[in-house]
Amino acid sequence: MRRDRIPLPKSEHLNARTNMNVMLRDKLTVIWRMTHPLAAEDRAAWDSLIPAFTEELPHPERVELVITDQYRAVAGEYAVQSPTRANPGMTAADYQAVKVDGAMAAAKTNELPGGKATVVVNASLVRLGHERASRSLLHEAQHVRLLQDEDGAWGVHRRVAFTLPDDLSFDFIWLAETAIDEFRCERALYEAGVSPLNMGSDPADYSGIIASFEPVRYGFRRTADVLAAYQGAMSVLDRLGQFLAYGAAYIAIEQTRAAKWVSIPSMAQLVGIVSDLASAHQKVSDERLAAHCIELARMLRRTLRDNGFDSYLQPDGGLYFDVLW
């Protein structure tokens, strides 16, 4: 077993150098951050997607849609502007589009100062086809809705009288808040009859995510780098929580889907915690969100321990990390 204090990263910033073209579409601000011009067919595809995305936004005049061919850099640039980011010292380079199991993010919603929001999207998303690209944008629109309604779980512990339980550290709270928001956004799509289009969670992918813990253990045994092990294990847990949240949203609407997940007990546990939460189209009180976050955070910590790691606060407030086996 190895126990060490985790240091906080220093702050730095990244500036993406691109050609910027700003357009206004029905009060939605569309920003093109491109290093190379889009092919005519790709530009036409985007033109066909933007109206439906705009209609789904409660207040499109306070939203920027940023379409870019430098997705990771630009998404990271906007992420560090968020007033509700978990780590005020995060850098633009901290954002990773490629997940631990190889899954690739193509869109990210961020809160901006002044009640604004930005949705950064990989310009190549349209090459997945109209339906898949549209579904991705509709999902991000639900995140915007949560922000504009001040109804998201992300950062809810800062909006209520919140006492961190003795058995948790804030890293688990933030991961739980992320998973709950993903659940509510996906639930909104299923309730609206939007097909998953194989973009939800497949039980067959679960083992690949769990297997991502092993390189973290191997890296620690080889280097004894506790910070790298902490970051790696929490990244896997973050991916796992969001993966389960996507699947739970479908089960909450169609209970027969639970049969596909019977071999994965953590899905039943998560569904039991979040299934009574409404979608992004209905308000949920901050107090209820905070209570659910604590329950889900405890489940995530148990899951991390089951896979050989633990993170917790010491009485002096220091954050420690254990590699259990």
C-alpha atoms as a PDB file:
ATOM      1  CA  MET A   1       0.000   0.000   0.000  1.00  0.00           C
ATOM      2  CA  ARG A   2       1.287   3.482  -0.844  1.00  0.00           C
ATOM      3  CA  ARG A   3      -0.078   6.661   0.740  1.00  0.00           C
ATOM      4  CA  ASP A   4       0.966  10.167  -0.299  1.00  0.00           C
ATOM      5  CA  ARG A   5      -0.297  13.726  -0.326  1.00  0.00           C
ATOM      6  CA  ILE A   6      -1.446  14.992  -3.730  1.00  0.00           C
ATOM      7  CA  PRO A   7      -0.041  18.420  -4.706  1.00  0.00           C
ATOM      8  CA  LEU A   8      -2.155  20.961  -6.569  1.00  0.00           C
ATOM      9  CA  PRO A   9      -1.110  21.876 -10.141  1.00  0.00           C
ATOM     10  CA  LYS A  10       0.071  25.371 -11.022  1.00  0.00           C
ATOM     11  CA  SER A  11      -1.970  27.603 -13.316  1.00  0.00           C
ATOM     12  CA  GLU A  12      -1.043  28.275 -16.930  1.00  0.00           C
ATOM     13  CA  HIS A  13      -2.921  29.144 -20.092  1.00  0.00           C
ATOM     14  CA  LEU A  14      -3.026  28.000 -23.696  1.00  0.00           C
ATOM     15  CA  ASN A  15      -3.885  30.225 -26.638  1.00  0.00           C
ATOM     16  CA  ALA A  16      -5.069  28.431 -29.769  1.00  0.00           C
ATOM     17  CA  ARG A  17      -4.029  30.303 -32.914  1.00  0.00           C
ATOM     18  CA  THR A  18      -6.706  29.950 -35.541  1.00  0.00           C
ATOM     19  CA  ASN A  19      -8.615  31.990 -38.055  1.00  0.00           C
ATOM     20  CA  MET A  20     -11.806  33.112 -36.388  1.00  0.00           C
ATOM     21  CA  ASN A  21     -15.023  33.879 -38.232  1.00  0.00           C
ATOM     22  CA  VAL A  22     -18.025  34.962 -36.176  1.00  0.00           C
ATOM     23  CA  MET A  23     -21.594  34.760 -37.453  1.00  0.00           C
ATOM     24  CA  LEU A  24     -24.934  35.412 -35.782  1.00  0.00           C
ATOM     25  CA  ARG A  25     -27.764  32.974 -36.515  1.00  0.00           C
ATOM     26  CA  ASP A  26     -31.113  33.771 -34.930  1.00  0.00           C
ATOM     27  CA  LYS A  27     -29.268  35.375 -31.990  1.00  0.00           C
ATOM     28  CA  LEU A  28     -27.034  32.332 -31.523  1.00  0.00           C
ATOM     29  CA  THR A  29     -23.391  33.308 -31.998  1.00  0.00           C
ATOM     30  CA  VAL A  30     -21.585  30.862 -34.274  1.00  0.00           C
ATOM     31  CA  ILE A  31     -17.793  31.072 -34.181  1.00  0.00           C
ATOM     32  CA  TRP A  32     -15.685  29.222 -36.722  1.00  0.00           C
ATOM     33  CA  ARG A  33     -12.201  28.503 -35.346  1.00  0.00           C
ATOM     34  CA  MET A  34     -10.630  26.872 -38.364  1.00  0.00           C
ATOM     35  CA  THR A  35      -7.039  26.440 -39.502  1.00  0.00           C
ATOM     36  CA  HIS A  36      -8.261  25.164 -42.876  1.00  0.00           C
ATOM     37  CA  PRO A  37     -11.470  25.999 -44.770  1.00  0.00           C
ATOM     38  CA  LEU A  38     -14.282  23.494 -44.458  1.00  0.00           C
ATOM     39  CA  ALA A  39     -15.220  21.461 -47.501  1.00  0.00           C
ATOM     40  CA  ALA A  40     -18.377  22.774 -49.118  1.00  0.00           C
ATOM     41  CA  GLU A  41     -20.374  19.668 -48.191  1.00  0.00           C
ATOM     42  CA  ASP A  42     -19.264  19.902 -44.545  1.00  0.00           C
ATOM     43  CA  ARG A  43     -20.242  23.573 -44.356  1.00  0.00           C
ATOM     44  CA  ALA A  44     -23.639  22.721 -45.839  1.00  0.00           C
ATOM     45  CA  ALA A  45     -24.062  19.951 -43.276  1.00  0.00           C
ATOM     46  CA  TRP A  46     -23.369  22.390 -40.431  1.00  0.00           C
ATOM     47  CA  ASP A  47     -25.801  24.911 -41.918  1.00  0.00           C
ATOM     48  CA  SER A  48     -28.495  22.228 -41.796  1.00  0.00           C
ATOM     49  CA  LEU A  49     -27.783  21.346 -38.138  1.00  0.00           C
ATOM     50  CA  ILE A  50     -27.578  24.765 -36.529  1.00  0.00           C
ATOM     51  CA  PRO A  51     -31.299  25.729 -36.675  1.00  0.00           C
ATOM     52  CA  ALA A  52     -32.517  22.677 -34.702  1.00  0.00           C
ATOM     53  CA  PHE A  53     -29.749  23.179 -32.145  1.00  0.00           C
ATOM     54  CA  THR A  54     -30.733  26.833 -31.762  1.00  0.00           C
ATOM     55  CA  GLU A  55     -34.401  25.981 -31.231  1.00  0.00           C
ATOM     56  CA  GLU A  56     -33.520  23.674 -28.340  1.00  0.00           C
ATOM     57  CA  LEU A  57     -31.758  26.434 -26.384  1.00  0.00           C
ATOM     58  CA  PRO A  58     -33.767  28.388 -23.788  1.00  0.00           C
ATOM     59  CA  HIS A  59     -31.724  31.558 -24.423  1.00  0.00           C
ATOM     60  CA  PRO A  60     -29.689  31.204 -27.630  1.00  0.00           C
ATOM     61  CA  GLU A  61     -28.618  34.842 -27.423  1.00  0.00           C
ATOM     62  CA  ARG A  62     -26.370  33.901 -24.493  1.00  0.00           C
ATOM     63  CA  VAL A  63     -24.731  30.936 -26.239  1.00  0.00           C
ATOM     64  CA  GLU A  64     -21.687  30.619 -28.479  1.00  0.00           C
ATOM     65  CA  LEU A  65     -21.404  27.598 -30.776  1.00  0.00           C
ATOM     66  CA  VAL A  66     -17.713  27.198 -31.580  1.00  0.00           C
ATOM     67  CA  ILE A  67     -16.947  24.923 -34.533  1.00  0.00           C
ATOM     68  CA  THR A  68     -13.259  24.103 -34.811  1.00  0.00           C
ATOM     69  CA  ASP A  69     -10.708  21.795 -36.375  1.00  0.00           C
ATOM     70  CA  GLN A  70      -8.523  22.171 -33.250  1.00  0.00           C
ATOM     71  CA  TYR A  71     -11.056  20.688 -30.896  1.00  0.00           C
ATOM     72  CA  ARG A  72      -8.874  19.686 -27.953  1.00  0.00           C
ATOM     73  CA  ALA A  73      -6.997  22.988 -27.754  1.00  0.00           C
ATOM     74  CA  VAL A  74     -10.059  25.174 -28.205  1.00  0.00           C
ATOM     75  CA  ALA A  75     -12.232  23.158 -25.806  1.00  0.00           C
ATOM     76  CA  GLY A  76      -9.477  23.433 -23.220  1.00  0.00           C
ATOM     77  CA  GLU A  77      -9.183  27.169 -23.813  1.00  0.00           C
ATOM     78  CA  TYR A  78     -12.854  27.655 -22.991  1.00  0.00           C
ATOM     79  CA  ALA A  79     -12.805  25.190 -20.087  1.00  0.00           C
ATOM     80  CA  VAL A  80     -10.377  27.355 -18.104  1.00  0.00           C
ATOM     81  CA  GLN A  81     -12.798  30.293 -18.379  1.00  0.00           C
ATOM     82  CA  SER A  82     -15.571  28.496 -16.513  1.00  0.00           C
ATOM     83  CA  PRO A  83     -16.391  30.108 -13.153  1.00  0.00           C
ATOM     84  CA  THR A  84     -17.533  26.704 -11.844  1.00  0.00           C
ATOM     85  CA  ARG A  85     -14.473  24.649 -12.811  1.00  0.00           C
ATOM     86  CA  ALA A  86     -13.461  22.197 -10.122  1.00  0.00           C
ATOM     87  CA  ASN A  87      -9.812  23.256 -10.013  1.00  0.00           C
ATOM     88  CA  PRO A  88      -9.162  27.017 -10.386  1.00  0.00           C
ATOM     89  CA  GLY A  89      -5.560  26.155 -11.287  1.00  0.00           C
ATOM     90  CA  MET A  90      -6.475  23.929 -14.238  1.00  0.00           C
ATOM     91  CA  THR A  91      -4.781  24.589 -17.558  1.00  0.00           C
ATOM     92  CA  ALA A  92      -6.165  24.374 -21.067  1.00  0.00           C
ATOM     93  CA  ALA A  93      -3.869  21.405 -21.657  1.00  0.00           C
ATOM     94  CA  ASP A  94      -5.581  19.506 -18.824  1.00  0.00           C
ATOM     95  CA  TYR A  95      -8.614  18.860 -21.023  1.00  0.00           C
ATOM     96  CA  GLN A  96      -8.357  15.508 -22.770  1.00  0.00           C
ATOM     97  CA  ALA A  97     -10.645  14.626 -25.685  1.00  0.00           C
ATOM     98  CA  VAL A  98      -9.470  11.009 -25.800  1.00  0.00           C
ATOM     99  CA  LYS A  99     -10.829   9.034 -22.858  1.00  0.00           C
ATOM    100  CA  VAL A 100      -8.919   6.331 -21.005  1.00  0.00           C
ATOM    101  CA  ASP A 101     -10.565   3.523 -22.980  1.00  0.00           C
ATOM    102  CA  GLY A 102     -10.046   5.185 -26.336  1.00  0.00           C
ATOM    103  CA  ALA A 103     -13.466   6.834 -26.616  1.00  0.00           C
ATOM    104  CA  MET A 104     -13.278  10.262 -28.240  1.00  0.00           C
ATOM    105  CA  ALA A 105     -15.208  13.356 -27.171  1.00  0.00           C
ATOM    106  CA  ALA A 106     -16.336  15.619 -30.008  1.00  0.00           C
ATOM    107  CA  ALA A 107     -18.274  18.322 -28.126  1.00  0.00           C
ATOM    108  CA  LYS A 108     -18.072  20.087 -24.780  1.00  0.00           C
ATOM    109  CA  THR A 109     -20.320  22.640 -23.071  1.00  0.00           C
ATOM    110  CA  ASN A 110     -18.809  25.191 -20.711  1.00  0.00           C
ATOM    111  CA  GLU A 111     -20.274  27.891 -18.541  1.00  0.00           C
ATOM    112  CA  LEU A 112     -18.770  31.318 -19.198  1.00  0.00           C
ATOM    113  CA  PRO A 113     -18.737  34.389 -16.960  1.00  0.00           C
ATOM    114  CA  GLY A 114     -21.736  36.688 -17.177  1.00  0.00           C
ATOM    115  CA  GLY A 115     -24.352  33.959 -17.521  1.00  0.00           C
ATOM    116  CA  LYS A 116     -23.134  32.856 -20.936  1.00  0.00           C
ATOM    117  CA  ALA A 117     -22.303  29.388 -22.256  1.00  0.00           C
ATOM    118  CA  THR A 118     -20.212  27.978 -25.047  1.00  0.00           C
ATOM    119  CA  VAL A 119     -20.521  24.692 -26.906  1.00  0.00           C
ATOM    120  CA  VAL A 120     -17.263  23.703 -28.586  1.00  0.00           C
ATOM    121  CA  VAL A 121     -17.681  21.108 -31.329  1.00  0.00           C
ATOM    122  CA  ASN A 122     -15.211  19.250 -33.498  1.00  0.00           C
ATOM    123  CA  ALA A 123     -15.807  20.375 -37.082  1.00  0.00           C
ATOM    124  CA  SER A 124     -15.459  16.780 -38.281  1.00  0.00           C
ATOM    125  CA  LEU A 125     -18.547  15.731 -36.282  1.00  0.00           C
ATOM    126  CA  VAL A 126     -20.699  16.150 -39.396  1.00  0.00           C
ATOM    127  CA  ARG A 127     -18.818  13.305 -41.052  1.00  0.00           C
ATOM    128  CA  LEU A 128     -20.616  10.906 -38.716  1.00  0.00           C
ATOM    129  CA  GLY A 129     -23.822  11.684 -40.603  1.00  0.00           C
ATOM    130  CA  HIS A 130     -26.687  14.073 -39.999  1.00  0.00           C
ATOM    131  CA  GLU A 131     -28.535  11.992 -37.384  1.00  0.00           C
ATOM    132  CA  ARG A 132     -25.515  11.287 -35.206  1.00  0.00           C
ATOM    133  CA  ALA A 133     -24.237  14.845 -35.400  1.00  0.00           C
ATOM    134  CA  SER A 134     -27.700  16.164 -34.588  1.00  0.00           C
ATOM    135  CA  ARG A 135     -27.980  13.877 -31.592  1.00  0.00           C
ATOM    136  CA  SER A 136     -24.640  15.076 -30.244  1.00  0.00           C
ATOM    137  CA  LEU A 137     -25.720  18.702 -30.553  1.00  0.00           C
ATOM    138  CA  LEU A 138     -29.073  18.012 -28.895  1.00  0.00           C
ATOM    139  CA  HIS A 139     -27.264  16.401 -25.973  1.00  0.00           C
ATOM    140  CA  GLU A 140     -25.062  19.482 -25.572  1.00  0.00           C
ATOM    141  CA  ALA A 141     -28.164  21.681 -25.756  1.00  0.00           C
ATOM    142  CA  GLN A 142     -29.438  19.903 -22.634  1.00  0.00           C
ATOM    143  CA  HIS A 143     -26.230  20.855 -20.825  1.00  0.00           C
ATOM    144  CA  VAL A 144     -26.854  24.463 -21.861  1.00  0.00           C
ATOM    145  CA  ARG A 145     -30.400  24.159 -20.524  1.00  0.00           C
ATOM    146  CA  LEU A 146     -29.107  22.998 -17.137  1.00  0.00           C
ATOM    147  CA  LEU A 147     -26.738  25.958 -17.035  1.00  0.00           C
ATOM    148  CA  GLN A 148     -29.327  28.517 -18.082  1.00  0.00           C
ATOM    149  CA  ASP A 149     -31.932  27.154 -15.687  1.00  0.00           C
ATOM    150  CA  GLU A 150     -29.297  27.065 -12.916  1.00  0.00           C
ATOM    151  CA  ASP A 151     -30.415  23.484 -12.427  1.00  0.00           C
ATOM    152  CA  GLY A 152     -27.294  21.402 -13.008  1.00  0.00           C
ATOM    153  CA  ALA A 153     -25.657  19.117 -10.497  1.00  0.00           C
ATOM    154  CA  TRP A 154     -22.200  20.397 -11.454  1.00  0.00           C
ATOM    155  CA  GLY A 155     -21.043  22.635  -8.614  1.00  0.00           C
ATOM    156  CA  VAL A 156     -24.316  22.254  -6.706  1.00  0.00           C
ATOM    157  CA  HIS A 157     -22.369  21.810  -3.457  1.00  0.00           C
ATOM    158  CA  ARG A 158     -21.355  25.454  -3.865  1.00  0.00           C
ATOM    159  CA  ARG A 159     -24.959  26.613  -4.109  1.00  0.00           C
ATOM    160  CA  VAL A 160     -26.317  24.956  -0.962  1.00  0.00           C
ATOM    161  CA  ALA A 161     -25.331  24.721   2.672  1.00  0.00           C
ATOM    162  CA  PHE A 162     -23.036  21.750   2.185  1.00  0.00           C
ATOM    163  CA  THR A 163     -20.968  19.789   4.661  1.00  0.00           C
ATOM    164  CA  LEU A 164     -18.577  17.296   3.128  1.00  0.00           C
ATOM    165  CA  PRO A 165     -19.154  13.889   4.751  1.00  0.00           C
ATOM    166  CA  ASP A 166     -16.185  12.487   6.664  1.00  0.00           C
ATOM    167  CA  ASP A 167     -15.938   9.469   4.365  1.00  0.00           C
ATOM    168  CA  LEU A 168     -15.595  11.471   1.141  1.00  0.00           C
ATOM    169  CA  SER A 169     -13.264  13.925  -0.536  1.00  0.00           C
ATOM    170  CA  PHE A 170     -14.427  16.514  -3.038  1.00  0.00           C
ATOM    171  CA  ASP A 171     -13.015  14.633  -6.017  1.00  0.00           C
ATOM    172  CA  PHE A 172     -15.836  12.075  -5.684  1.00  0.00           C
ATOM    173  CA  ILE A 173     -18.437  14.847  -5.325  1.00  0.00           C
ATOM    174  CA  TRP A 174     -17.347  16.459  -8.592  1.00  0.00           C
ATOM    175  CA  LEU A 175     -17.403  13.117 -10.432  1.00  0.00           C
ATOM    176  CA  ALA A 176     -20.876  12.356  -9.069  1.00  0.00           C
ATOM    177  CA  GLU A 177     -22.124  15.768 -10.191  1.00  0.00           C
ATOM    178  CA  THR A 178     -20.787  15.150 -13.681  1.00  0.00           C
ATOM    179  CA  ALA A 179     -22.495  11.750 -13.911  1.00  0.00           C
ATOM    180  CA  ILE A 180     -25.840  13.119 -12.724  1.00  0.00           C
ATOM    181  CA  ASP A 181     -25.800  15.868 -15.336  1.00  0.00           C
ATOM    182  CA  GLU A 182     -25.014  13.347 -18.060  1.00  0.00           C
ATOM    183  CA  PHE A 183     -27.887  11.169 -16.863  1.00  0.00           C
ATOM    184  CA  ARG A 184     -30.378  14.049 -16.953  1.00  0.00           C
ATOM    185  CA  CYS A 185     -29.250  15.230 -20.390  1.00  0.00           C
ATOM    186  CA  GLU A 186     -29.501  11.763 -21.885  1.00  0.00           C
ATOM    187  CA  ARG A 187     -32.844  11.161 -20.187  1.00  0.00           C
ATOM    188  CA  ALA A 188     -34.200  14.283 -21.906  1.00  0.00           C
ATOM    189  CA  LEU A 189     -33.281  12.847 -25.311  1.00  0.00           C
ATOM    190  CA  TYR A 190     -34.858   9.462 -24.606  1.00  0.00           C
ATOM    191  CA  GLU A 191     -38.034  11.093 -23.307  1.00  0.00           C
ATOM    192  CA  ALA A 192     -38.216  13.082 -26.549  1.00  0.00           C
ATOM    193  CA  GLY A 193     -37.958   9.874 -28.573  1.00  0.00           C
ATOM    194  CA  VAL A 194     -34.460  10.554 -29.914  1.00  0.00           C
ATOM    195  CA  SER A 195     -32.837   7.273 -30.948  1.00  0.00           C
ATOM    196  CA  PRO A 196     -29.596   6.301 -29.178  1.00  0.00           C
ATOM    197  CA  LEU A 197     -28.046   5.516 -32.598  1.00  0.00           C
ATOM    198  CA  ASN A 198     -25.439   3.342 -30.850  1.00  0.00           C
ATOM    199  CA  MET A 199     -24.147   6.495 -29.132  1.00  0.00           C
ATOM    200  CA  GLY A 200     -25.229   5.462 -25.642  1.00  0.00           C
ATOM    201  CA  SER A 201     -23.586   2.850 -23.434  1.00  0.00           C
ATOM    202  CA  ASP A 202     -23.049  -0.742 -24.509  1.00  0.00           C
ATOM    203  CA  PRO A 203     -22.471  -3.308 -21.727  1.00  0.00           C
ATOM    204  CA  ALA A 204     -19.806  -4.880 -23.928  1.00  0.00           C
ATOM    205  CA  ASP A 205     -17.627  -1.789 -23.398  1.00  0.00           C
ATOM    206  CA  TYR A 206     -17.668  -2.026 -19.590  1.00  0.00           C
ATOM    207  CA  SER A 207     -14.783  -4.482 -19.314  1.00  0.00           C
ATOM    208  CA  GLY A 208     -12.592  -2.235 -21.461  1.00  0.00           C
ATOM    209  CA  ILE A 209     -13.109   0.677 -19.093  1.00  0.00           C
ATOM    210  CA  ILE A 210     -12.390  -1.453 -16.023  1.00  0.00           C
ATOM    211  CA  ALA A 211      -9.273  -2.789 -17.753  1.00  0.00           C
ATOM    212  CA  SER A 212      -8.012   0.810 -17.948  1.00  0.00           C
ATOM    213  CA  PHE A 213      -7.225   0.649 -14.229  1.00  0.00           C
ATOM    214  CA  GLU A 214      -4.468  -1.908 -14.872  1.00  0.00           C
ATOM    215  CA  PRO A 215      -2.072   0.446 -16.723  1.00  0.00           C
ATOM    216  CA  VAL A 216      -2.448   2.850 -13.803  1.00  0.00           C
ATOM    217  CA  ARG A 217      -1.355   0.135 -11.360  1.00  0.00           C
ATOM    218  CA  TYR A 218       1.484  -0.925 -13.659  1.00  0.00           C
ATOM    219  CA  GLY A 219       2.684   2.654 -14.035  1.00  0.00           C
ATOM    220  CA  PHE A 220       2.718   3.151 -10.293  1.00  0.00           C
ATOM    221  CA  ARG A 221       4.643  -0.085  -9.666  1.00  0.00           C
ATOM    222  CA  ARG A 222       7.188   1.011 -12.256  1.00  0.00           C
ATOM    223  CA  THR A 223       7.609   4.694 -11.326  1.00  0.00           C
ATOM    224  CA  ALA A 224       6.104   5.152  -7.822  1.00  0.00           C
ATOM    225  CA  ASP A 225       4.574   8.385  -9.203  1.00  0.00           C
ATOM    226  CA  VAL A 226       1.631   8.880  -6.865  1.00  0.00           C
ATOM    227  CA  LEU A 227       0.257  11.970  -8.610  1.00  0.00           C
ATOM    228  CA  ALA A 228       0.188  10.184 -11.967  1.00  0.00           C
ATOM    229  CA  ALA A 229      -1.559   7.199 -10.361  1.00  0.00           C
ATOM    230  CA  TYR A 230      -4.125   9.469  -8.703  1.00  0.00           C
ATOM    231  CA  GLN A 231      -4.855  11.314 -11.938  1.00  0.00           C
ATOM    232  CA  GLY A 232      -5.025   8.077 -13.902  1.00  0.00           C
ATOM    233  CA  ALA A 233      -7.341   6.267 -11.488  1.00  0.00           C
ATOM    234  CA  MET A 234      -9.687   9.239 -11.166  1.00  0.00           C
ATOM    235  CA  SER A 235      -9.795   9.607 -14.957  1.00  0.00           C
ATOM    236  CA  VAL A 236     -10.907   5.997 -15.284  1.00  0.00           C
ATOM    237  CA  LEU A 237     -13.524   6.504 -12.567  1.00  0.00           C
ATOM    238  CA  ASP A 238     -14.794   9.643 -14.302  1.00  0.00           C
ATOM    239  CA  ARG A 239     -15.168   7.758 -17.580  1.00  0.00           C
ATOM    240  CA  LEU A 240     -16.887   4.878 -15.794  1.00  0.00           C
ATOM    241  CA  GLY A 241     -19.372   7.149 -14.024  1.00  0.00           C
ATOM    242  CA  GLN A 242     -20.388   8.888 -17.238  1.00  0.00           C
ATOM    243  CA  PHE A 243     -20.586   5.588 -19.119  1.00  0.00           C
ATOM    244  CA  LEU A 244     -22.967   4.162 -16.519  1.00  0.00           C
ATOM    245  CA  ALA A 245     -24.975   7.393 -16.442  1.00  0.00           C
ATOM    246  CA  TYR A 246     -25.676   7.178 -20.180  1.00  0.00           C
ATOM    247  CA  GLY A 247     -26.937   3.622 -19.812  1.00  0.00           C
ATOM    248  CA  ALA A 248     -28.963   4.455 -16.700  1.00  0.00           C
ATOM    249  CA  ALA A 249     -30.860   7.147 -18.602  1.00  0.00           C
ATOM    250  CA  TYR A 250     -32.095   4.576 -21.090  1.00  0.00           C
ATOM    251  CA  ILE A 251     -33.043   2.116 -18.339  1.00  0.00           C
ATOM    252  CA  ALA A 252     -34.986   4.816 -16.483  1.00  0.00           C
ATOM    253  CA  ILE A 253     -37.208   5.220 -19.547  1.00  0.00           C
ATOM    254  CA  GLU A 254     -37.338   1.592 -20.649  1.00  0.00           C
ATOM    255  CA  GLN A 255     -36.969  -0.797 -17.704  1.00  0.00           C
ATOM    256  CA  THR A 256     -36.565  -3.848 -19.929  1.00  0.00           C
ATOM    257  CA  ARG A 257     -33.121  -2.516 -20.868  1.00  0.00           C
ATOM    258  CA  ALA A 258     -31.878  -3.430 -17.387  1.00  0.00           C
ATOM    259  CA  ALA A 259     -31.674  -7.084 -18.440  1.00  0.00           C
ATOM    260  CA  LYS A 260     -28.694  -6.278 -20.694  1.00  0.00           C
ATOM    261  CA  TRP A 261     -26.756  -5.035 -17.655  1.00  0.00           C
ATOM    262  CA  VAL A 262     -27.518  -7.847 -15.219  1.00  0.00           C
ATOM    263  CA  SER A 263     -23.874  -8.958 -15.142  1.00  0.00           C
ATOM    264  CA  ILE A 264     -22.723  -5.462 -14.127  1.00  0.00           C
ATOM    265  CA  PRO A 265     -23.935  -4.770 -10.569  1.00  0.00           C
ATOM    266  CA  SER A 266     -22.692  -1.180 -10.581  1.00  0.00           C
ATOM    267  CA  MET A 267     -25.322  -0.291 -13.175  1.00  0.00           C
ATOM    268  CA  ALA A 268     -28.162  -1.441 -10.919  1.00  0.00           C
ATOM    269  CA  GLN A 269     -26.584   0.533  -8.073  1.00  0.00           C
ATOM    270  CA  LEU A 270     -26.388   3.724 -10.133  1.00  0.00           C
ATOM    271  CA  VAL A 271     -29.908   3.335 -11.508  1.00  0.00           C
ATOM    272  CA  GLY A 272     -31.166   2.946  -7.954  1.00  0.00           C
ATOM    273  CA  ILE A 273     -29.565   6.264  -7.038  1.00  0.00           C
ATOM    274  CA  VAL A 274     -30.495   8.462 -10.006  1.00  0.00           C
ATOM    275  CA  SER A 275     -33.619   7.007 -11.626  1.00  0.00           C
ATOM    276  CA  ASP A 276     -35.993   9.279  -9.689  1.00  0.00           C
ATOM    277  CA  LEU A 277     -34.261  12.419 -10.969  1.00  0.00           C
ATOM    278  CA  ALA A 278     -36.081  14.260 -13.744  1.00  0.00           C
ATOM    279  CA  SER A 279     -34.536  15.067 -17.093  1.00  0.00           C
ATOM    280  CA  ALA A 280     -32.976  18.403 -17.999  1.00  0.00           C
ATOM    281  CA  HIS A 281     -36.428  19.630 -19.042  1.00  0.00           C
ATOM    282  CA  GLN A 282     -37.751  19.600 -15.469  1.00  0.00           C
ATOM    283  CA  LYS A 283     -36.423  21.418 -12.435  1.00  0.00           C
ATOM    284  CA  VAL A 284     -34.825  19.522  -9.558  1.00  0.00           C
ATOM    285  CA  SER A 285     -34.094  21.324  -6.309  1.00  0.00           C
ATOM    286  CA  ASP A 286     -30.485  21.961  -5.368  1.00  0.00           C
ATOM    287  CA  GLU A 287     -31.030  20.130  -2.093  1.00  0.00           C
ATOM    288  CA  ARG A 288     -32.179  16.958  -3.881  1.00  0.00           C
ATOM    289  CA  LEU A 289     -29.303  17.155  -6.320  1.00  0.00           C
ATOM    290  CA  ALA A 290     -26.784  17.554  -3.509  1.00  0.00           C
ATOM    291  CA  ALA A 291     -28.224  14.587  -1.598  1.00  0.00           C
ATOM    292  CA  HIS A 292     -28.076  12.384  -4.696  1.00  0.00           C
ATOM    293  CA  CYS A 293     -24.515  13.520  -5.378  1.00  0.00           C
ATOM    294  CA  ILE A 294     -23.395  12.384  -1.947  1.00  0.00           C
ATOM    295  CA  GLU A 295     -25.009   8.981  -2.426  1.00  0.00           C
ATOM    296  CA  LEU A 296     -23.466   8.561  -5.880  1.00  0.00           C
ATOM    297  CA  ALA A 297     -20.071   9.808  -4.653  1.00  0.00           C
ATOM    298  CA  ARG A 298     -20.066   7.040  -2.050  1.00  0.00           C
ATOM    299  CA  MET A 299     -20.853   4.490  -4.726  1.00  0.00           C
ATOM    300  CA  LEU A 300     -17.997   5.795  -6.878  1.00  0.00           C
ATOM    301  CA  ARG A 301     -15.560   5.567  -3.980  1.00  0.00           C
ATOM    302  CA  ARG A 302     -16.624   1.946  -3.360  1.00  0.00           C
ATOM    303  CA  THR A 303     -16.081   1.238  -7.041  1.00  0.00           C
ATOM    304  CA  LEU A 304     -12.606   2.752  -6.903  1.00  0.00           C
ATOM    305  CA  ARG A 305     -11.723   0.654  -3.850  1.00  0.00           C
ATOM    306  CA  ASP A 306     -13.022  -2.461  -5.596  1.00  0.00           C
ATOM    307  CA  ASN A 307     -10.477  -1.771  -8.315  1.00  0.00           C
ATOM    308  CA  GLY A 308      -7.490  -1.267  -6.037  1.00  0.00           C
ATOM    309  CA  PHE A 309      -7.373   2.459  -5.249  1.00  0.00           C
ATOM    310  CA  ASP A 310      -8.682   4.923  -2.715  1.00  0.00           C
ATOM    311  CA  SER A 311      -8.638   8.686  -2.212  1.00  0.00           C
ATOM    312  CA  TYR A 312      -9.658  10.404   0.999  1.00  0.00           C
ATOM    313  CA  LEU A 313      -9.127  13.384   3.274  1.00  0.00           C
ATOM    314  CA  GLN A 314      -7.015  13.247   6.397  1.00  0.00           C
ATOM    315  CA  PRO A 315      -8.032  15.078   9.614  1.00  0.00           C
ATOM    316  CA  ASP A 316      -5.668  17.934   8.724  1.00  0.00           C
ATOM    317  CA  GLY A 317      -7.497  18.461   5.398  1.00  0.00           C
ATOM    318  CA  GLY A 318      -4.778  16.943   3.236  1.00  0.00           C
ATOM    319  CA  LEU A 319      -5.800  14.778   0.288  1.00  0.00           C
ATOM    320  CA  TYR A 320      -4.209  11.328   0.289  1.00  0.00           C
ATOM    321  CA  PHE A 321      -4.235   8.575  -2.263  1.00  0.00           C
ATOM    322  CA  ASP A 322      -3.743   4.845  -1.695  1.00  0.00           C
ATOM    323  CA  VAL A 323      -2.792   2.121  -4.147  1.00  0.00           C
ATOM    324  CA  LEU A 324      -4.352  -0.820  -2.317  1.00  0.00           C
ATOM    325  CA  TRP A 325      -2.994  -3.730  -4.314  1.00  0.00           C
END
